[in-house]
Amino acid sequence: MSFQITPPRRRSLEDILNKQERELGIKPLPLEPELLLERITQGGRAGQFLAEAFLSAYRTDRPFQHSLGELTRLDAEAFRLFHEVLHIRHVPGWSDDALYQIEQQIKIIIAEAKS
């Protein structure tokens, strides 16, 4: 008895995203970094929620310490930004350097808010 093992087919991220969109109707939203930073700078519950969501999504070893039930308290823009944060590594052309720069800006905003 012989077995033929075919190597797994390599699929690009674009192929995976296209399949996901076709089958599930999910299209990743690109991040609006300027708007995200503006909302975080404004502070409040939504700003804190978005800051911590981004930091948790970017640094995979950082837990997100919020209940997803808090989504009901976000306005439409903040909800959309949260959705975008969830997709930061799933949109074509994402850049780790760009995400790192956003992370650093968020850390500065948080530090300034505490002082």
PDB file of N, CA and C in Angstrom:
ATOM      1  N   MET A   1       0.837  -1.162   0.000  1.00  0.00           N
ATOM      2  CA  MET A   1       0.000   0.000   0.000  1.00  0.00           C
ATOM      3  C   MET A   1       0.895   1.243   0.000  1.00  0.00           C
ATOM      4  N   SER A   2       0.607   2.177  -0.882  1.00  0.00           N
ATOM      5  CA  SER A   2       1.408   3.397  -0.926  1.00  0.00           C
ATOM      6  C   SER A   2       0.497   4.604  -0.746  1.00  0.00           C
ATOM      7  N   PHE A   3       1.093   5.594  -0.189  1.00  0.00           N
ATOM      8  CA  PHE A   3       0.361   6.829   0.048  1.00  0.00           C
ATOM      9  C   PHE A   3       1.035   7.944  -0.725  1.00  0.00           C
ATOM     10  N   GLN A   4       0.227   8.762  -1.286  1.00  0.00           N
ATOM     11  CA  GLN A   4       0.759   9.955  -1.923  1.00  0.00           C
ATOM     12  C   GLN A   4       0.293  11.161  -1.117  1.00  0.00           C
ATOM     13  N   ILE A   5       1.254  11.873  -0.646  1.00  0.00           N
ATOM     14  CA  ILE A   5       0.933  13.055   0.148  1.00  0.00           C
ATOM     15  C   ILE A   5       1.244  14.265  -0.700  1.00  0.00           C
ATOM     16  N   THR A   6       0.239  15.054  -0.887  1.00  0.00           N
ATOM     17  CA  THR A   6       0.458  16.283  -1.641  1.00  0.00           C
ATOM     18  C   THR A   6       0.669  17.418  -0.653  1.00  0.00           C
ATOM     19  N   PRO A   7       1.646  18.238  -0.922  1.00  0.00           N
ATOM     20  CA  PRO A   7       1.884  19.348   0.005  1.00  0.00           C
ATOM     21  C   PRO A   7       0.686  20.288   0.020  1.00  0.00           C
ATOM     22  N   PRO A   8       0.453  20.936   1.156  1.00  0.00           N
ATOM     23  CA  PRO A   8      -0.677  21.877   1.228  1.00  0.00           C
ATOM     24  C   PRO A   8      -0.492  23.003   0.221  1.00  0.00           C
ATOM     25  N   ARG A   9      -1.581  23.396  -0.349  1.00  0.00           N
ATOM     26  CA  ARG A   9      -1.556  24.489  -1.309  1.00  0.00           C
ATOM     27  C   ARG A   9      -1.312  25.795  -0.578  1.00  0.00           C
ATOM     28  N   ARG A  10      -0.387  26.576  -1.075  1.00  0.00           N
ATOM     29  CA  ARG A  10      -0.115  27.878  -0.471  1.00  0.00           C
ATOM     30  C   ARG A  10      -1.200  28.851  -0.904  1.00  0.00           C
ATOM     31  N   ARG A  11      -1.750  29.535   0.083  1.00  0.00           N
ATOM     32  CA  ARG A  11      -2.788  30.514  -0.196  1.00  0.00           C
ATOM     33  C   ARG A  11      -2.328  31.863   0.320  1.00  0.00           C
ATOM     34  N   SER A  12      -2.549  32.856  -0.465  1.00  0.00           N
ATOM     35  CA  SER A  12      -2.174  34.206  -0.038  1.00  0.00           C
ATOM     36  C   SER A  12      -3.234  34.755   0.917  1.00  0.00           C
ATOM     37  N   LEU A  13      -2.841  35.769   1.643  1.00  0.00           N
ATOM     38  CA  LEU A  13      -3.788  36.427   2.529  1.00  0.00           C
ATOM     39  C   LEU A  13      -4.968  36.960   1.717  1.00  0.00           C
ATOM     40  N   GLU A  14      -4.677  37.465   0.540  1.00  0.00           N
ATOM     41  CA  GLU A  14      -5.754  37.983  -0.320  1.00  0.00           C
ATOM     42  C   GLU A  14      -6.753  36.885  -0.673  1.00  0.00           C
ATOM     43  N   ASP A  15      -6.260  35.673  -0.991  1.00  0.00           N
ATOM     44  CA  ASP A  15      -7.153  34.552  -1.293  1.00  0.00           C
ATOM     45  C   ASP A  15      -8.025  34.210  -0.086  1.00  0.00           C
ATOM     46  N   ILE A  16      -7.416  34.192   1.083  1.00  0.00           N
ATOM     47  CA  ILE A  16      -8.151  33.858   2.309  1.00  0.00           C
ATOM     48  C   ILE A  16      -9.221  34.909   2.591  1.00  0.00           C
ATOM     49  N   LEU A  17      -8.854  36.187   2.453  1.00  0.00           N
ATOM     50  CA  LEU A  17      -9.813  37.268   2.707  1.00  0.00           C
ATOM     51  C   LEU A  17     -10.952  37.253   1.706  1.00  0.00           C
ATOM     52  N   ASN A  18     -10.630  36.977   0.443  1.00  0.00           N
ATOM     53  CA  ASN A  18     -11.685  36.904  -0.572  1.00  0.00           C
ATOM     54  C   ASN A  18     -12.653  35.768  -0.271  1.00  0.00           C
ATOM     55  N   LYS A  19     -12.117  34.619   0.128  1.00  0.00           N
ATOM     56  CA  LYS A  19     -12.972  33.482   0.476  1.00  0.00           C
ATOM     57  C   LYS A  19     -13.849  33.831   1.689  1.00  0.00           C
ATOM     58  N   GLN A  20     -13.237  34.450   2.685  1.00  0.00           N
ATOM     59  CA  GLN A  20     -13.968  34.845   3.885  1.00  0.00           C
ATOM     60  C   GLN A  20     -15.101  35.797   3.541  1.00  0.00           C
ATOM     61  N   GLU A  21     -14.821  36.762   2.673  1.00  0.00           N
ATOM     62  CA  GLU A  21     -15.859  37.716   2.287  1.00  0.00           C
ATOM     63  C   GLU A  21     -16.989  37.027   1.534  1.00  0.00           C
ATOM     64  N   ARG A  22     -16.623  36.126   0.613  1.00  0.00           N
ATOM     65  CA  ARG A  22     -17.648  35.414  -0.165  1.00  0.00           C
ATOM     66  C   ARG A  22     -18.509  34.538   0.736  1.00  0.00           C
ATOM     67  N   GLU A  23     -17.879  33.780   1.615  1.00  0.00           N
ATOM     68  CA  GLU A  23     -18.616  32.795   2.416  1.00  0.00           C
ATOM     69  C   GLU A  23     -19.311  33.391   3.627  1.00  0.00           C
ATOM     70  N   LEU A  24     -18.685  34.389   4.246  1.00  0.00           N
ATOM     71  CA  LEU A  24     -19.233  34.914   5.488  1.00  0.00           C
ATOM     72  C   LEU A  24     -19.753  36.343   5.384  1.00  0.00           C
ATOM     73  N   GLY A  25     -19.470  36.990   4.271  1.00  0.00           N
ATOM     74  CA  GLY A  25     -19.890  38.376   4.131  1.00  0.00           C
ATOM     75  C   GLY A  25     -19.093  39.331   4.991  1.00  0.00           C
ATOM     76  N   ILE A  26     -17.868  38.927   5.374  1.00  0.00           N
ATOM     77  CA  ILE A  26     -17.034  39.762   6.227  1.00  0.00           C
ATOM     78  C   ILE A  26     -15.937  40.391   5.388  1.00  0.00           C
ATOM     79  N   LYS A  27     -15.897  41.708   5.410  1.00  0.00           N
ATOM     80  CA  LYS A  27     -14.833  42.424   4.705  1.00  0.00           C
ATOM     81  C   LYS A  27     -14.055  43.229   5.735  1.00  0.00           C
ATOM     82  N   PRO A  28     -12.764  42.929   5.909  1.00  0.00           N
ATOM     83  CA  PRO A  28     -11.970  43.689   6.883  1.00  0.00           C
ATOM     84  C   PRO A  28     -11.933  45.174   6.545  1.00  0.00           C
ATOM     85  N   LEU A  29     -12.080  45.989   7.566  1.00  0.00           N
ATOM     86  CA  LEU A  29     -12.050  47.434   7.383  1.00  0.00           C
ATOM     87  C   LEU A  29     -10.652  47.955   7.678  1.00  0.00           C
ATOM     88  N   PRO A  30     -10.096  48.767   6.804  1.00  0.00           N
ATOM     89  CA  PRO A  30      -8.773  49.335   7.097  1.00  0.00           C
ATOM     90  C   PRO A  30      -8.864  50.333   8.246  1.00  0.00           C
ATOM     91  N   LEU A  31      -7.830  50.376   9.040  1.00  0.00           N
ATOM     92  CA  LEU A  31      -7.783  51.259  10.199  1.00  0.00           C
ATOM     93  C   LEU A  31      -7.668  52.718   9.775  1.00  0.00           C
ATOM     94  N   GLU A  32      -8.399  53.569  10.461  1.00  0.00           N
ATOM     95  CA  GLU A  32      -8.306  55.017  10.291  1.00  0.00           C
ATOM     96  C   GLU A  32      -7.463  55.539  11.462  1.00  0.00           C
ATOM     97  N   PRO A  33      -6.128  55.509  11.328  1.00  0.00           N
ATOM     98  CA  PRO A  33      -5.276  55.794  12.486  1.00  0.00           C
ATOM     99  C   PRO A  33      -5.444  57.197  13.059  1.00  0.00           C
ATOM    100  N   GLU A  34      -5.618  58.200  12.204  1.00  0.00           N
ATOM    101  CA  GLU A  34      -5.767  59.566  12.717  1.00  0.00           C
ATOM    102  C   GLU A  34      -7.037  59.695  13.561  1.00  0.00           C
ATOM    103  N   LEU A  35      -8.119  59.113  13.072  1.00  0.00           N
ATOM    104  CA  LEU A  35      -9.371  59.167  13.817  1.00  0.00           C
ATOM    105  C   LEU A  35      -9.262  58.369  15.119  1.00  0.00           C
ATOM    106  N   LEU A  36      -8.629  57.214  15.063  1.00  0.00           N
ATOM    107  CA  LEU A  36      -8.434  56.412  16.278  1.00  0.00           C
ATOM    108  C   LEU A  36      -7.668  57.219  17.321  1.00  0.00           C
ATOM    109  N   LEU A  37      -6.565  57.840  16.916  1.00  0.00           N
ATOM    110  CA  LEU A  37      -5.768  58.623  17.866  1.00  0.00           C
ATOM    111  C   LEU A  37      -6.540  59.830  18.383  1.00  0.00           C
ATOM    112  N   GLU A  38      -7.345  60.435  17.528  1.00  0.00           N
ATOM    113  CA  GLU A  38      -8.173  61.565  17.960  1.00  0.00           C
ATOM    114  C   GLU A  38      -9.162  61.130  19.031  1.00  0.00           C
ATOM    115  N   ARG A  39      -9.821  60.006  18.805  1.00  0.00           N
ATOM    116  CA  ARG A  39     -10.807  59.519  19.780  1.00  0.00           C
ATOM    117  C   ARG A  39     -10.136  59.119  21.093  1.00  0.00           C
ATOM    118  N   ILE A  40      -8.941  58.529  21.010  1.00  0.00           N
ATOM    119  CA  ILE A  40      -8.221  58.151  22.230  1.00  0.00           C
ATOM    120  C   ILE A  40      -7.799  59.409  22.992  1.00  0.00           C
ATOM    121  N   THR A  41      -7.360  60.431  22.269  1.00  0.00           N
ATOM    122  CA  THR A  41      -6.957  61.693  22.890  1.00  0.00           C
ATOM    123  C   THR A  41      -8.140  62.358  23.587  1.00  0.00           C
ATOM    124  N   GLN A  42      -9.326  62.223  23.027  1.00  0.00           N
ATOM    125  CA  GLN A  42     -10.519  62.806  23.646  1.00  0.00           C
ATOM    126  C   GLN A  42     -10.820  62.166  24.991  1.00  0.00           C
ATOM    127  N   GLY A  43     -10.320  60.967  25.187  1.00  0.00           N
ATOM    128  CA  GLY A  43     -10.489  60.299  26.473  1.00  0.00           C
ATOM    129  C   GLY A  43     -11.875  59.715  26.662  1.00  0.00           C
ATOM    130  N   GLY A  44     -12.282  59.651  27.894  1.00  0.00           N
ATOM    131  CA  GLY A  44     -13.574  59.064  28.218  1.00  0.00           C
ATOM    132  C   GLY A  44     -13.549  57.555  28.085  1.00  0.00           C
ATOM    133  N   ARG A  45     -14.699  56.978  28.311  1.00  0.00           N
ATOM    134  CA  ARG A  45     -14.835  55.527  28.266  1.00  0.00           C
ATOM    135  C   ARG A  45     -14.473  54.961  26.897  1.00  0.00           C
ATOM    136  N   ALA A  46     -14.966  55.604  25.836  1.00  0.00           N
ATOM    137  CA  ALA A  46     -14.694  55.111  24.482  1.00  0.00           C
ATOM    138  C   ALA A  46     -13.205  55.212  24.156  1.00  0.00           C
ATOM    139  N   GLY A  47     -12.575  56.318  24.532  1.00  0.00           N
ATOM    140  CA  GLY A  47     -11.148  56.482  24.270  1.00  0.00           C
ATOM    141  C   GLY A  47     -10.320  55.423  24.954  1.00  0.00           C
ATOM    142  N   GLN A  48     -10.634  55.157  26.212  1.00  0.00           N
ATOM    143  CA  GLN A  48      -9.908  54.130  26.960  1.00  0.00           C
ATOM    144  C   GLN A  48     -10.146  52.748  26.344  1.00  0.00           C
ATOM    145  N   PHE A  49     -11.374  52.468  26.005  1.00  0.00           N
ATOM    146  CA  PHE A  49     -11.740  51.180  25.414  1.00  0.00           C
ATOM    147  C   PHE A  49     -10.967  50.965  24.108  1.00  0.00           C
ATOM    148  N   LEU A  50     -10.944  51.988  23.252  1.00  0.00           N
ATOM    149  CA  LEU A  50     -10.263  51.876  21.965  1.00  0.00           C
ATOM    150  C   LEU A  50      -8.753  51.754  22.136  1.00  0.00           C
ATOM    151  N   ALA A  51      -8.189  52.506  23.072  1.00  0.00           N
ATOM    152  CA  ALA A  51      -6.748  52.428  23.319  1.00  0.00           C
ATOM    153  C   ALA A  51      -6.366  51.015  23.752  1.00  0.00           C
ATOM    154  N   GLU A  52      -7.096  50.487  24.712  1.00  0.00           N
ATOM    155  CA  GLU A  52      -6.771  49.159  25.221  1.00  0.00           C
ATOM    156  C   GLU A  52      -7.050  48.077  24.189  1.00  0.00           C
ATOM    157  N   ALA A  53      -8.070  48.281  23.366  1.00  0.00           N
ATOM    158  CA  ALA A  53      -8.353  47.318  22.296  1.00  0.00           C
ATOM    159  C   ALA A  53      -7.200  47.279  21.307  1.00  0.00           C
ATOM    160  N   PHE A  54      -6.714  48.457  20.895  1.00  0.00           N
ATOM    161  CA  PHE A  54      -5.605  48.479  19.948  1.00  0.00           C
ATOM    162  C   PHE A  54      -4.361  47.836  20.552  1.00  0.00           C
ATOM    163  N   LEU A  55      -4.010  48.216  21.774  1.00  0.00           N
ATOM    164  CA  LEU A  55      -2.808  47.664  22.393  1.00  0.00           C
ATOM    165  C   LEU A  55      -2.894  46.153  22.533  1.00  0.00           C
ATOM    166  N   SER A  56      -4.063  45.645  22.855  1.00  0.00           N
ATOM    167  CA  SER A  56      -4.251  44.199  22.976  1.00  0.00           C
ATOM    168  C   SER A  56      -4.184  43.511  21.623  1.00  0.00           C
ATOM    169  N   ALA A  57      -4.740  44.141  20.602  1.00  0.00           N
ATOM    170  CA  ALA A  57      -4.716  43.547  19.261  1.00  0.00           C
ATOM    171  C   ALA A  57      -3.307  43.567  18.681  1.00  0.00           C
ATOM    172  N   TYR A  58      -2.556  44.614  18.979  1.00  0.00           N
ATOM    173  CA  TYR A  58      -1.199  44.722  18.443  1.00  0.00           C
ATOM    174  C   TYR A  58      -0.232  43.836  19.205  1.00  0.00           C
ATOM    175  N   ARG A  59      -0.286  43.865  20.507  1.00  0.00           N
ATOM    176  CA  ARG A  59       0.582  43.033  21.359  1.00  0.00           C
ATOM    177  C   ARG A  59      -0.231  41.824  21.800  1.00  0.00           C
ATOM    178  N   THR A  60      -0.048  40.735  21.117  1.00  0.00           N
ATOM    179  CA  THR A  60      -0.906  39.566  21.334  1.00  0.00           C
ATOM    180  C   THR A  60      -0.765  38.958  22.728  1.00  0.00           C
ATOM    181  N   ASP A  61       0.237  39.364  23.484  1.00  0.00           N
ATOM    182  CA  ASP A  61       0.371  38.853  24.848  1.00  0.00           C
ATOM    183  C   ASP A  61      -0.252  39.798  25.878  1.00  0.00           C
ATOM    184  N   ARG A  62      -0.941  40.819  25.399  1.00  0.00           N
ATOM    185  CA  ARG A  62      -1.572  41.800  26.296  1.00  0.00           C
ATOM    186  C   ARG A  62      -3.079  41.552  26.332  1.00  0.00           C
ATOM    187  N   PRO A  63      -3.600  41.108  27.475  1.00  0.00           N
ATOM    188  CA  PRO A  63      -5.044  40.826  27.554  1.00  0.00           C
ATOM    189  C   PRO A  63      -5.898  42.092  27.418  1.00  0.00           C
ATOM    190  N   PHE A  64      -7.069  41.922  26.890  1.00  0.00           N
ATOM    191  CA  PHE A  64      -8.048  42.998  26.773  1.00  0.00           C
ATOM    192  C   PHE A  64      -8.955  42.883  27.990  1.00  0.00           C
ATOM    193  N   GLN A  65      -8.894  43.856  28.878  1.00  0.00           N
ATOM    194  CA  GLN A  65      -9.551  43.764  30.179  1.00  0.00           C
ATOM    195  C   GLN A  65     -10.953  44.375  30.216  1.00  0.00           C
ATOM    196  N   HIS A  66     -11.668  44.323  29.103  1.00  0.00           N
ATOM    197  CA  HIS A  66     -13.014  44.892  29.053  1.00  0.00           C
ATOM    198  C   HIS A  66     -14.027  43.818  28.674  1.00  0.00           C
ATOM    199  N   SER A  67     -15.232  44.025  29.109  1.00  0.00           N
ATOM    200  CA  SER A  67     -16.334  43.191  28.666  1.00  0.00           C
ATOM    201  C   SER A  67     -16.758  43.654  27.280  1.00  0.00           C
ATOM    202  N   LEU A  68     -17.038  42.710  26.409  1.00  0.00           N
ATOM    203  CA  LEU A  68     -17.537  43.100  25.091  1.00  0.00           C
ATOM    204  C   LEU A  68     -18.931  43.710  25.188  1.00  0.00           C
ATOM    205  N   GLY A  69     -19.568  43.554  26.330  1.00  0.00           N
ATOM    206  CA  GLY A  69     -20.841  44.221  26.562  1.00  0.00           C
ATOM    207  C   GLY A  69     -20.706  45.739  26.525  1.00  0.00           C
ATOM    208  N   GLU A  70     -19.479  46.234  26.743  1.00  0.00           N
ATOM    209  CA  GLU A  70     -19.248  47.673  26.682  1.00  0.00           C
ATOM    210  C   GLU A  70     -19.420  48.220  25.268  1.00  0.00           C
ATOM    211  N   LEU A  71     -19.434  47.350  24.277  1.00  0.00           N
ATOM    212  CA  LEU A  71     -19.661  47.802  22.899  1.00  0.00           C
ATOM    213  C   LEU A  71     -20.989  48.542  22.771  1.00  0.00           C
ATOM    214  N   THR A  72     -21.953  48.169  23.596  1.00  0.00           N
ATOM    215  CA  THR A  72     -23.268  48.808  23.515  1.00  0.00           C
ATOM    216  C   THR A  72     -23.209  50.271  23.939  1.00  0.00           C
ATOM    217  N   ARG A  73     -22.142  50.659  24.631  1.00  0.00           N
ATOM    218  CA  ARG A  73     -21.998  52.046  25.085  1.00  0.00           C
ATOM    219  C   ARG A  73     -21.238  52.921  24.088  1.00  0.00           C
ATOM    220  N   LEU A  74     -20.699  52.305  23.036  1.00  0.00           N
ATOM    221  CA  LEU A  74     -19.940  53.073  22.052  1.00  0.00           C
ATOM    222  C   LEU A  74     -20.866  53.701  21.025  1.00  0.00           C
ATOM    223  N   ASP A  75     -20.505  54.886  20.568  1.00  0.00           N
ATOM    224  CA  ASP A  75     -21.254  55.474  19.464  1.00  0.00           C
ATOM    225  C   ASP A  75     -20.843  54.762  18.173  1.00  0.00           C
ATOM    226  N   ALA A  76     -21.515  55.071  17.089  1.00  0.00           N
ATOM    227  CA  ALA A  76     -21.281  54.362  15.825  1.00  0.00           C
ATOM    228  C   ALA A  76     -19.835  54.493  15.348  1.00  0.00           C
ATOM    229  N   GLU A  77     -19.263  55.668  15.501  1.00  0.00           N
ATOM    230  CA  GLU A  77     -17.882  55.873  15.050  1.00  0.00           C
ATOM    231  C   GLU A  77     -16.905  55.040  15.876  1.00  0.00           C
ATOM    232  N   ALA A  78     -17.060  55.044  17.184  1.00  0.00           N
ATOM    233  CA  ALA A  78     -16.176  54.261  18.050  1.00  0.00           C
ATOM    234  C   ALA A  78     -16.360  52.761  17.795  1.00  0.00           C
ATOM    235  N   PHE A  79     -17.585  52.350  17.558  1.00  0.00           N
ATOM    236  CA  PHE A  79     -17.851  50.938  17.247  1.00  0.00           C
ATOM    237  C   PHE A  79     -17.138  50.543  15.957  1.00  0.00           C
ATOM    238  N   ARG A  80     -17.209  51.412  14.947  1.00  0.00           N
ATOM    239  CA  ARG A  80     -16.525  51.139  13.676  1.00  0.00           C
ATOM    240  C   ARG A  80     -15.016  51.075  13.891  1.00  0.00           C
ATOM    241  N   LEU A  81     -14.475  51.989  14.686  1.00  0.00           N
ATOM    242  CA  LEU A  81     -13.038  51.965  14.966  1.00  0.00           C
ATOM    243  C   LEU A  81     -12.633  50.675  15.665  1.00  0.00           C
ATOM    244  N   PHE A  82     -13.466  50.205  16.601  1.00  0.00           N
ATOM    245  CA  PHE A  82     -13.180  48.933  17.272  1.00  0.00           C
ATOM    246  C   PHE A  82     -13.140  47.804  16.243  1.00  0.00           C
ATOM    247  N   HIS A  83     -14.081  47.814  15.339  1.00  0.00           N
ATOM    248  CA  HIS A  83     -14.137  46.804  14.276  1.00  0.00           C
ATOM    249  C   HIS A  83     -12.866  46.868  13.431  1.00  0.00           C
ATOM    250  N   GLU A  84     -12.408  48.070  13.126  1.00  0.00           N
ATOM    251  CA  GLU A  84     -11.184  48.255  12.354  1.00  0.00           C
ATOM    252  C   GLU A  84      -9.974  47.728  13.125  1.00  0.00           C
ATOM    253  N   VAL A  85      -9.949  47.975  14.432  1.00  0.00           N
ATOM    254  CA  VAL A  85      -8.847  47.486  15.264  1.00  0.00           C
ATOM    255  C   VAL A  85      -8.769  45.961  15.193  1.00  0.00           C
ATOM    256  N   LEU A  86      -9.915  45.324  15.204  1.00  0.00           N
ATOM    257  CA  LEU A  86      -9.922  43.858  15.125  1.00  0.00           C
ATOM    258  C   LEU A  86      -9.283  43.346  13.846  1.00  0.00           C
ATOM    259  N   HIS A  87      -9.285  44.161  12.806  1.00  0.00           N
ATOM    260  CA  HIS A  87      -8.775  43.747  11.493  1.00  0.00           C
ATOM    261  C   HIS A  87      -7.371  44.240  11.183  1.00  0.00           C
ATOM    262  N   ILE A  88      -6.650  44.806  12.151  1.00  0.00           N
ATOM    263  CA  ILE A  88      -5.387  45.475  11.815  1.00  0.00           C
ATOM    264  C   ILE A  88      -4.393  44.575  11.092  1.00  0.00           C
ATOM    265  N   ARG A  89      -4.449  43.300  11.318  1.00  0.00           N
ATOM    266  CA  ARG A  89      -3.498  42.396  10.649  1.00  0.00           C
ATOM    267  C   ARG A  89      -4.151  41.600   9.519  1.00  0.00           C
ATOM    268  N   HIS A  90      -5.363  41.969   9.155  1.00  0.00           N
ATOM    269  CA  HIS A  90      -6.083  41.213   8.127  1.00  0.00           C
ATOM    270  C   HIS A  90      -6.402  42.011   6.877  1.00  0.00           C
ATOM    271  N   VAL A  91      -5.987  43.264   6.845  1.00  0.00           N
ATOM    272  CA  VAL A  91      -6.217  44.061   5.641  1.00  0.00           C
ATOM    273  C   VAL A  91      -4.970  44.003   4.774  1.00  0.00           C
ATOM    274  N   PRO A  92      -5.153  43.936   3.486  1.00  0.00           N
ATOM    275  CA  PRO A  92      -3.986  43.913   2.602  1.00  0.00           C
ATOM    276  C   PRO A  92      -3.117  45.159   2.804  1.00  0.00           C
ATOM    277  N   GLY A  93      -1.819  44.953   2.788  1.00  0.00           N
ATOM    278  CA  GLY A  93      -0.884  46.062   2.872  1.00  0.00           C
ATOM    279  C   GLY A  93      -0.591  46.556   4.277  1.00  0.00           C
ATOM    280  N   TRP A  94      -1.042  45.846   5.323  1.00  0.00           N
ATOM    281  CA  TRP A  94      -0.768  46.325   6.678  1.00  0.00           C
ATOM    282  C   TRP A  94       0.738  46.294   6.919  1.00  0.00           C
ATOM    283  N   SER A  95       1.193  47.186   7.758  1.00  0.00           N
ATOM    284  CA  SER A  95       2.614  47.346   8.024  1.00  0.00           C
ATOM    285  C   SER A  95       2.861  47.300   9.526  1.00  0.00           C
ATOM    286  N   ASP A  96       3.759  46.433   9.942  1.00  0.00           N
ATOM    287  CA  ASP A  96       4.071  46.353  11.364  1.00  0.00           C
ATOM    288  C   ASP A  96       4.690  47.661  11.851  1.00  0.00           C
ATOM    289  N   ASP A  97       5.489  48.300  11.005  1.00  0.00           N
ATOM    290  CA  ASP A  97       6.098  49.566  11.400  1.00  0.00           C
ATOM    291  C   ASP A  97       5.019  50.615  11.664  1.00  0.00           C
ATOM    292  N   ALA A  98       4.023  50.686  10.805  1.00  0.00           N
ATOM    293  CA  ALA A  98       2.936  51.652  10.994  1.00  0.00           C
ATOM    294  C   ALA A  98       2.156  51.343  12.270  1.00  0.00           C
ATOM    295  N   LEU A  99       1.872  50.066  12.515  1.00  0.00           N
ATOM    296  CA  LEU A  99       1.143  49.682  13.734  1.00  0.00           C
ATOM    297  C   LEU A  99       1.973  50.001  14.976  1.00  0.00           C
ATOM    298  N   TYR A 100       3.283  49.786  14.891  1.00  0.00           N
ATOM    299  CA  TYR A 100       4.172  50.108  16.010  1.00  0.00           C
ATOM    300  C   TYR A 100       4.130  51.606  16.310  1.00  0.00           C
ATOM    301  N   GLN A 101       4.143  52.428  15.271  1.00  0.00           N
ATOM    302  CA  GLN A 101       4.096  53.881  15.464  1.00  0.00           C
ATOM    303  C   GLN A 101       2.780  54.297  16.138  1.00  0.00           C
ATOM    304  N   ILE A 102       1.687  53.672  15.743  1.00  0.00           N
ATOM    305  CA  ILE A 102       0.393  53.953  16.378  1.00  0.00           C
ATOM    306  C   ILE A 102       0.442  53.548  17.845  1.00  0.00           C
ATOM    307  N   GLU A 103       1.003  52.374  18.117  1.00  0.00           N
ATOM    308  CA  GLU A 103       1.127  51.908  19.503  1.00  0.00           C
ATOM    309  C   GLU A 103       1.896  52.924  20.341  1.00  0.00           C
ATOM    310  N   GLN A 104       3.000  53.418  19.816  1.00  0.00           N
ATOM    311  CA  GLN A 104       3.816  54.371  20.568  1.00  0.00           C
ATOM    312  C   GLN A 104       3.046  55.669  20.833  1.00  0.00           C
ATOM    313  N   GLN A 105       2.292  56.134  19.872  1.00  0.00           N
ATOM    314  CA  GLN A 105       1.496  57.343  20.062  1.00  0.00           C
ATOM    315  C   GLN A 105       0.415  57.130  21.116  1.00  0.00           C
ATOM    316  N   ILE A 106      -0.206  55.957  21.095  1.00  0.00           N
ATOM    317  CA  ILE A 106      -1.221  55.650  22.105  1.00  0.00           C
ATOM    318  C   ILE A 106      -0.604  55.635  23.491  1.00  0.00           C
ATOM    319  N   LYS A 107       0.561  55.063  23.622  1.00  0.00           N
ATOM    320  CA  LYS A 107       1.238  55.036  24.939  1.00  0.00           C
ATOM    321  C   LYS A 107       1.539  56.445  25.441  1.00  0.00           C
ATOM    322  N   ILE A 108       1.923  57.334  24.539  1.00  0.00           N
ATOM    323  CA  ILE A 108       2.183  58.725  24.923  1.00  0.00           C
ATOM    324  C   ILE A 108       0.886  59.390  25.380  1.00  0.00           C
ATOM    325  N   ILE A 109      -0.182  59.191  24.665  1.00  0.00           N
ATOM    326  CA  ILE A 109      -1.487  59.772  25.019  1.00  0.00           C
ATOM    327  C   ILE A 109      -1.921  59.280  26.396  1.00  0.00           C
ATOM    328  N   ILE A 110      -1.766  57.996  26.639  1.00  0.00           N
ATOM    329  CA  ILE A 110      -2.157  57.424  27.933  1.00  0.00           C
ATOM    330  C   ILE A 110      -1.314  58.014  29.061  1.00  0.00           C
ATOM    331  N   ALA A 111      -0.013  58.106  28.828  1.00  0.00           N
ATOM    332  CA  ALA A 111       0.892  58.660  29.856  1.00  0.00           C
ATOM    333  C   ALA A 111       0.554  60.108  30.159  1.00  0.00           C
ATOM    334  N   GLU A 112       0.258  60.900  29.130  1.00  0.00           N
ATOM    335  CA  GLU A 112      -0.092  62.311  29.335  1.00  0.00           C
ATOM    336  C   GLU A 112      -1.416  62.450  30.078  1.00  0.00           C
ATOM    337  N   ALA A 113      -2.339  61.552  29.813  1.00  0.00           N
ATOM    338  CA  ALA A 113      -3.644  61.603  30.489  1.00  0.00           C
ATOM    339  C   ALA A 113      -3.502  61.291  31.978  1.00  0.00           C
ATOM    340  N   LYS A 114      -2.526  60.455  32.316  1.00  0.00           N
ATOM    341  CA  LYS A 114      -2.331  60.086  33.722  1.00  0.00           C
ATOM    342  C   LYS A 114      -1.613  61.172  34.513  1.00  0.00           C
ATOM    343  N   SER A 115      -0.880  62.041  33.815  1.00  0.00           N
ATOM    344  CA  SER A 115      -0.107  63.060  34.548  1.00  0.00           C
ATOM    345  C   SER A 115      -0.874  64.353  34.736  1.00  0.00           C
TER     346      SER A 115
END
